[in-house]
Amino acid sequence: DRRAQLAKAALDAALEISEFTESLG
């Protein structure tokens, strides 16, 4: 993947991790 793809994938994962963590609580 190119740099833009890597950044987007990591950011999308971060947003989903944040949402999951909040919902778990």
PDB file of all heavy atoms in Angstrom:
ATOM      1  N   ASP A   1       0.811  -1.216   0.000  1.00  0.00           N
ATOM      2  CA  ASP A   1       0.000   0.000   0.000  1.00  0.00           C
ATOM      3  C   ASP A   1       0.845   1.268   0.000  1.00  0.00           C
ATOM      4  O   ASP A   1       1.967   1.293   0.510  1.00  0.00           O
ATOM      5  CB  ASP A   1      -0.920   0.017   1.226  1.00  0.00           C
ATOM      6  CG  ASP A   1      -1.929  -1.112   1.199  1.00  0.00           C
ATOM      7  OD1 ASP A   1      -2.304  -1.539   0.094  1.00  0.00           O
ATOM      8  OD2 ASP A   1      -2.336  -1.568   2.289  1.00  0.00           O
ATOM      9  N   ARG A   2       0.264   2.321  -0.571  1.00  0.00           N
ATOM     10  CA  ARG A   2       0.906   3.637  -0.554  1.00  0.00           C
ATOM     11  C   ARG A   2       0.703   4.298   0.804  1.00  0.00           C
ATOM     12  O   ARG A   2      -0.099   3.847   1.617  1.00  0.00           O
ATOM     13  CB  ARG A   2       0.319   4.522  -1.662  1.00  0.00           C
ATOM     14  CG  ARG A   2       0.568   3.978  -3.063  1.00  0.00           C
ATOM     15  CD  ARG A   2      -0.109   4.868  -4.104  1.00  0.00           C
ATOM     16  NE  ARG A   2       0.080   4.351  -5.448  1.00  0.00           N
ATOM     17  CZ  ARG A   2       1.121   4.631  -6.209  1.00  0.00           C
ATOM     18  NH1 ARG A   2       2.061   5.449  -5.759  1.00  0.00           N
ATOM     19  NH2 ARG A   2       1.226   4.120  -7.424  1.00  0.00           N
ATOM     20  N   ARG A   3       1.422   5.400   1.019  1.00  0.00           N
ATOM     21  CA  ARG A   3       1.364   6.096   2.307  1.00  0.00           C
ATOM     22  C   ARG A   3      -0.065   6.511   2.647  1.00  0.00           C
ATOM     23  O   ARG A   3      -0.506   6.373   3.798  1.00  0.00           O
ATOM     24  CB  ARG A   3       2.284   7.324   2.278  1.00  0.00           C
ATOM     25  CG  ARG A   3       3.755   6.993   2.141  1.00  0.00           C
ATOM     26  CD  ARG A   3       4.589   8.254   1.926  1.00  0.00           C
ATOM     27  NE  ARG A   3       4.607   9.086   3.115  1.00  0.00           N
ATOM     28  CZ  ARG A   3       5.519   9.012   4.075  1.00  0.00           C
ATOM     29  NH1 ARG A   3       6.490   8.101   3.993  1.00  0.00           N
ATOM     30  NH2 ARG A   3       5.478   9.813   5.116  1.00  0.00           N
ATOM     31  N   ALA A   4      -0.795   7.025   1.655  1.00  0.00           N
ATOM     32  CA  ALA A   4      -2.168   7.464   1.908  1.00  0.00           C
ATOM     33  C   ALA A   4      -3.049   6.301   2.330  1.00  0.00           C
ATOM     34  O   ALA A   4      -3.900   6.440   3.218  1.00  0.00           O
ATOM     35  CB  ALA A   4      -2.742   8.134   0.665  1.00  0.00           C
ATOM     36  N   GLN A   5      -2.855   5.142   1.725  1.00  0.00           N
ATOM     37  CA  GLN A   5      -3.645   3.963   2.083  1.00  0.00           C
ATOM     38  C   GLN A   5      -3.316   3.487   3.488  1.00  0.00           C
ATOM     39  O   GLN A   5      -4.210   3.084   4.243  1.00  0.00           O
ATOM     40  CB  GLN A   5      -3.390   2.843   1.069  1.00  0.00           C
ATOM     41  CG  GLN A   5      -3.896   3.131  -0.332  1.00  0.00           C
ATOM     42  CD  GLN A   5      -3.449   2.080  -1.335  1.00  0.00           C
ATOM     43  OE1 GLN A   5      -2.244   1.849  -1.516  1.00  0.00           O
ATOM     44  NE2 GLN A   5      -4.400   1.433  -1.981  1.00  0.00           N
ATOM     45  N   LEU A   6      -2.040   3.536   3.837  1.00  0.00           N
ATOM     46  CA  LEU A   6      -1.637   3.125   5.171  1.00  0.00           C
ATOM     47  C   LEU A   6      -2.241   4.037   6.229  1.00  0.00           C
ATOM     48  O   LEU A   6      -2.750   3.576   7.258  1.00  0.00           O
ATOM     49  CB  LEU A   6      -0.108   3.147   5.295  1.00  0.00           C
ATOM     50  CG  LEU A   6       0.674   2.198   4.385  1.00  0.00           C
ATOM     51  CD1 LEU A   6       2.173   2.439   4.543  1.00  0.00           C
ATOM     52  CD2 LEU A   6       0.324   0.747   4.690  1.00  0.00           C
ATOM     53  N   ALA A   7      -2.183   5.344   5.973  1.00  0.00           N
ATOM     54  CA  ALA A   7      -2.719   6.308   6.935  1.00  0.00           C
ATOM     55  C   ALA A   7      -4.229   6.140   7.090  1.00  0.00           C
ATOM     56  O   ALA A   7      -4.759   6.160   8.205  1.00  0.00           O
ATOM     57  CB  ALA A   7      -2.384   7.727   6.495  1.00  0.00           C
ATOM     58  N   LYS A   8      -4.928   5.968   5.984  1.00  0.00           N
ATOM     59  CA  LYS A   8      -6.381   5.815   6.051  1.00  0.00           C
ATOM     60  C   LYS A   8      -6.762   4.542   6.799  1.00  0.00           C
ATOM     61  O   LYS A   8      -7.682   4.536   7.623  1.00  0.00           O
ATOM     62  CB  LYS A   8      -7.002   5.796   4.666  1.00  0.00           C
ATOM     63  CG  LYS A   8      -8.534   5.730   4.683  1.00  0.00           C
ATOM     64  CD  LYS A   8      -9.110   5.743   3.296  1.00  0.00           C
ATOM     65  CE  LYS A   8     -10.647   5.836   3.349  1.00  0.00           C
ATOM     66  NZ  LYS A   8     -11.243   4.727   4.142  1.00  0.00           N
ATOM     67  N   ALA A   9      -6.066   3.447   6.523  1.00  0.00           N
ATOM     68  CA  ALA A   9      -6.370   2.179   7.191  1.00  0.00           C
ATOM     69  C   ALA A   9      -6.153   2.286   8.696  1.00  0.00           C
ATOM     70  O   ALA A   9      -6.979   1.820   9.493  1.00  0.00           O
ATOM     71  CB  ALA A   9      -5.517   1.063   6.611  1.00  0.00           C
ATOM     72  N   ALA A  10      -5.035   2.897   9.097  1.00  0.00           N
ATOM     73  CA  ALA A  10      -4.743   3.041  10.523  1.00  0.00           C
ATOM     74  C   ALA A  10      -5.754   3.959  11.198  1.00  0.00           C
ATOM     75  O   ALA A  10      -6.203   3.697  12.321  1.00  0.00           O
ATOM     76  CB  ALA A  10      -3.331   3.581  10.718  1.00  0.00           C
ATOM     77  N   LEU A  11      -6.130   5.051  10.519  1.00  0.00           N
ATOM     78  CA  LEU A  11      -7.108   5.974  11.099  1.00  0.00           C
ATOM     79  C   LEU A  11      -8.477   5.325  11.227  1.00  0.00           C
ATOM     80  O   LEU A  11      -9.152   5.464  12.248  1.00  0.00           O
ATOM     81  CB  LEU A  11      -7.205   7.237  10.242  1.00  0.00           C
ATOM     82  CG  LEU A  11      -8.207   8.295  10.725  1.00  0.00           C
ATOM     83  CD1 LEU A  11      -7.837   8.779  12.126  1.00  0.00           C
ATOM     84  CD2 LEU A  11      -8.259   9.470   9.763  1.00  0.00           C
ATOM     85  N   ASP A  12      -8.903   4.593  10.191  1.00  0.00           N
ATOM     86  CA  ASP A  12     -10.192   3.906  10.258  1.00  0.00           C
ATOM     87  C   ASP A  12     -10.206   2.892  11.402  1.00  0.00           C
ATOM     88  O   ASP A  12     -11.203   2.757  12.117  1.00  0.00           O
ATOM     89  CB  ASP A  12     -10.481   3.200   8.934  1.00  0.00           C
ATOM     90  CG  ASP A  12     -10.821   4.166   7.810  1.00  0.00           C
ATOM     91  OD1 ASP A  12     -11.115   5.336   8.112  1.00  0.00           O
ATOM     92  OD2 ASP A  12     -10.791   3.745   6.635  1.00  0.00           O
ATOM     93  N   ALA A  13      -9.100   2.185  11.578  1.00  0.00           N
ATOM     94  CA  ALA A  13      -9.007   1.221  12.677  1.00  0.00           C
ATOM     95  C   ALA A  13      -9.080   1.937  14.021  1.00  0.00           C
ATOM     96  O   ALA A  13      -9.769   1.479  14.942  1.00  0.00           O
ATOM     97  CB  ALA A  13      -7.711   0.423  12.573  1.00  0.00           C
ATOM     98  N   ALA A  14      -8.388   3.071  14.137  1.00  0.00           N
ATOM     99  CA  ALA A  14      -8.393   3.823  15.392  1.00  0.00           C
ATOM    100  C   ALA A  14      -9.795   4.288  15.753  1.00  0.00           C
ATOM    101  O   ALA A  14     -10.215   4.208  16.917  1.00  0.00           O
ATOM    102  CB  ALA A  14      -7.443   5.018  15.289  1.00  0.00           C
ATOM    103  N   LEU A  15     -10.531   4.797  14.769  1.00  0.00           N
ATOM    104  CA  LEU A  15     -11.882   5.269  15.035  1.00  0.00           C
ATOM    105  C   LEU A  15     -12.788   4.127  15.492  1.00  0.00           C
ATOM    106  O   LEU A  15     -13.589   4.286  16.419  1.00  0.00           O
ATOM    107  CB  LEU A  15     -12.459   5.928  13.775  1.00  0.00           C
ATOM    108  CG  LEU A  15     -11.764   7.213  13.321  1.00  0.00           C
ATOM    109  CD1 LEU A  15     -12.332   7.685  11.983  1.00  0.00           C
ATOM    110  CD2 LEU A  15     -11.919   8.309  14.374  1.00  0.00           C
ATOM    111  N   GLU A  16     -12.643   2.973  14.859  1.00  0.00           N
ATOM    112  CA  GLU A  16     -13.471   1.826  15.247  1.00  0.00           C
ATOM    113  C   GLU A  16     -13.073   1.305  16.630  1.00  0.00           C
ATOM    114  O   GLU A  16     -13.931   0.902  17.418  1.00  0.00           O
ATOM    115  CB  GLU A  16     -13.360   0.715  14.211  1.00  0.00           C
ATOM    116  CG  GLU A  16     -14.364  -0.407  14.440  1.00  0.00           C
ATOM    117  CD  GLU A  16     -14.455  -1.402  13.304  1.00  0.00           C
ATOM    118  OE1 GLU A  16     -13.935  -1.105  12.200  1.00  0.00           O
ATOM    119  OE2 GLU A  16     -15.050  -2.484  13.528  1.00  0.00           O
ATOM    120  N   ILE A  17     -11.784   1.310  16.940  1.00  0.00           N
ATOM    121  CA  ILE A  17     -11.329   0.894  18.264  1.00  0.00           C
ATOM    122  C   ILE A  17     -11.900   1.821  19.335  1.00  0.00           C
ATOM    123  O   ILE A  17     -12.341   1.366  20.403  1.00  0.00           O
ATOM    124  CB  ILE A  17      -9.792   0.872  18.326  1.00  0.00           C
ATOM    125  CG1 ILE A  17      -9.248  -0.285  17.481  1.00  0.00           C
ATOM    126  CG2 ILE A  17      -9.294   0.758  19.759  1.00  0.00           C
ATOM    127  CD1 ILE A  17      -7.749  -0.228  17.256  1.00  0.00           C
ATOM    128  N   SER A  18     -11.897   3.112  19.067  1.00  0.00           N
ATOM    129  CA  SER A  18     -12.435   4.076  20.023  1.00  0.00           C
ATOM    130  C   SER A  18     -13.929   3.844  20.248  1.00  0.00           C
ATOM    131  O   SER A  18     -14.413   3.856  21.394  1.00  0.00           O
ATOM    132  CB  SER A  18     -12.181   5.498  19.522  1.00  0.00           C
ATOM    133  OG  SER A  18     -12.612   6.454  20.469  1.00  0.00           O
ATOM    134  N   GLU A  19     -14.668   3.622  19.165  1.00  0.00           N
ATOM    135  CA  GLU A  19     -16.101   3.383  19.280  1.00  0.00           C
ATOM    136  C   GLU A  19     -16.386   2.089  20.044  1.00  0.00           C
ATOM    137  O   GLU A  19     -17.281   2.037  20.889  1.00  0.00           O
ATOM    138  CB  GLU A  19     -16.736   3.320  17.884  1.00  0.00           C
ATOM    139  CG  GLU A  19     -16.734   4.659  17.162  1.00  0.00           C
ATOM    140  CD  GLU A  19     -17.155   4.536  15.700  1.00  0.00           C
ATOM    141  OE1 GLU A  19     -17.395   3.385  15.260  1.00  0.00           O
ATOM    142  OE2 GLU A  19     -17.226   5.569  15.020  1.00  0.00           O
ATOM    143  N   PHE A  20     -15.626   1.049  19.736  1.00  0.00           N
ATOM    144  CA  PHE A  20     -15.816  -0.224  20.424  1.00  0.00           C
ATOM    145  C   PHE A  20     -15.542  -0.087  21.914  1.00  0.00           C
ATOM    146  O   PHE A  20     -16.297  -0.604  22.757  1.00  0.00           O
ATOM    147  CB  PHE A  20     -14.911  -1.300  19.835  1.00  0.00           C
ATOM    148  CG  PHE A  20     -14.703  -2.464  20.760  1.00  0.00           C
ATOM    149  CD1 PHE A  20     -15.746  -3.331  21.054  1.00  0.00           C
ATOM    150  CD2 PHE A  20     -13.468  -2.670  21.374  1.00  0.00           C
ATOM    151  CE1 PHE A  20     -15.564  -4.396  21.934  1.00  0.00           C
ATOM    152  CE2 PHE A  20     -13.285  -3.720  22.256  1.00  0.00           C
ATOM    153  CZ  PHE A  20     -14.337  -4.585  22.538  1.00  0.00           C
ATOM    154  N   THR A  21     -14.444   0.599  22.265  1.00  0.00           N
ATOM    155  CA  THR A  21     -14.080   0.741  23.669  1.00  0.00           C
ATOM    156  C   THR A  21     -15.170   1.460  24.447  1.00  0.00           C
ATOM    157  O   THR A  21     -15.544   1.045  25.554  1.00  0.00           O
ATOM    158  CB  THR A  21     -12.750   1.502  23.804  1.00  0.00           C
ATOM    159  OG1 THR A  21     -11.740   0.843  23.028  1.00  0.00           O
ATOM    160  CG2 THR A  21     -12.306   1.568  25.254  1.00  0.00           C
ATOM    161  N   GLU A  22     -15.697   2.529  23.868  1.00  0.00           N
ATOM    162  CA  GLU A  22     -16.778   3.268  24.528  1.00  0.00           C
ATOM    163  C   GLU A  22     -18.018   2.392  24.700  1.00  0.00           C
ATOM    164  O   GLU A  22     -18.651   2.385  25.762  1.00  0.00           O
ATOM    165  CB  GLU A  22     -17.121   4.520  23.717  1.00  0.00           C
ATOM    166  CG  GLU A  22     -18.147   5.411  24.371  1.00  0.00           C
ATOM    167  CD  GLU A  22     -18.390   6.703  23.614  1.00  0.00           C
ATOM    168  OE1 GLU A  22     -17.623   6.983  22.667  1.00  0.00           O
ATOM    169  OE2 GLU A  22     -19.344   7.427  23.956  1.00  0.00           O
ATOM    170  N   SER A  23     -18.354   1.631  23.669  1.00  0.00           N
ATOM    171  CA  SER A  23     -19.543   0.778  23.743  1.00  0.00           C
ATOM    172  C   SER A  23     -19.347  -0.365  24.743  1.00  0.00           C
ATOM    173  O   SER A  23     -20.296  -0.785  25.418  1.00  0.00           O
ATOM    174  CB  SER A  23     -19.879   0.208  22.358  1.00  0.00           C
ATOM    175  OG  SER A  23     -18.882  -0.701  21.915  1.00  0.00           O
ATOM    176  N   LEU A  24     -18.121  -0.875  24.864  1.00  0.00           N
ATOM    177  CA  LEU A  24     -17.840  -1.928  25.828  1.00  0.00           C
ATOM    178  C   LEU A  24     -18.120  -1.441  27.246  1.00  0.00           C
ATOM    179  O   LEU A  24     -18.681  -2.176  28.071  1.00  0.00           O
ATOM    180  CB  LEU A  24     -16.388  -2.385  25.702  1.00  0.00           C
ATOM    181  CG  LEU A  24     -15.913  -3.462  26.686  1.00  0.00           C
ATOM    182  CD1 LEU A  24     -16.714  -4.749  26.508  1.00  0.00           C
ATOM    183  CD2 LEU A  24     -14.417  -3.735  26.498  1.00  0.00           C
ATOM    184  N   GLY A  25     -17.743  -0.212  27.524  1.00  0.00           N
ATOM    185  CA  GLY A  25     -17.973   0.350  28.852  1.00  0.00           C
ATOM    186  C   GLY A  25     -19.438   0.549  29.175  1.00  0.00           C
ATOM    187  O   GLY A  25     -19.806   0.689  30.351  1.00  0.00           O
TER     188      GLY A  25
END
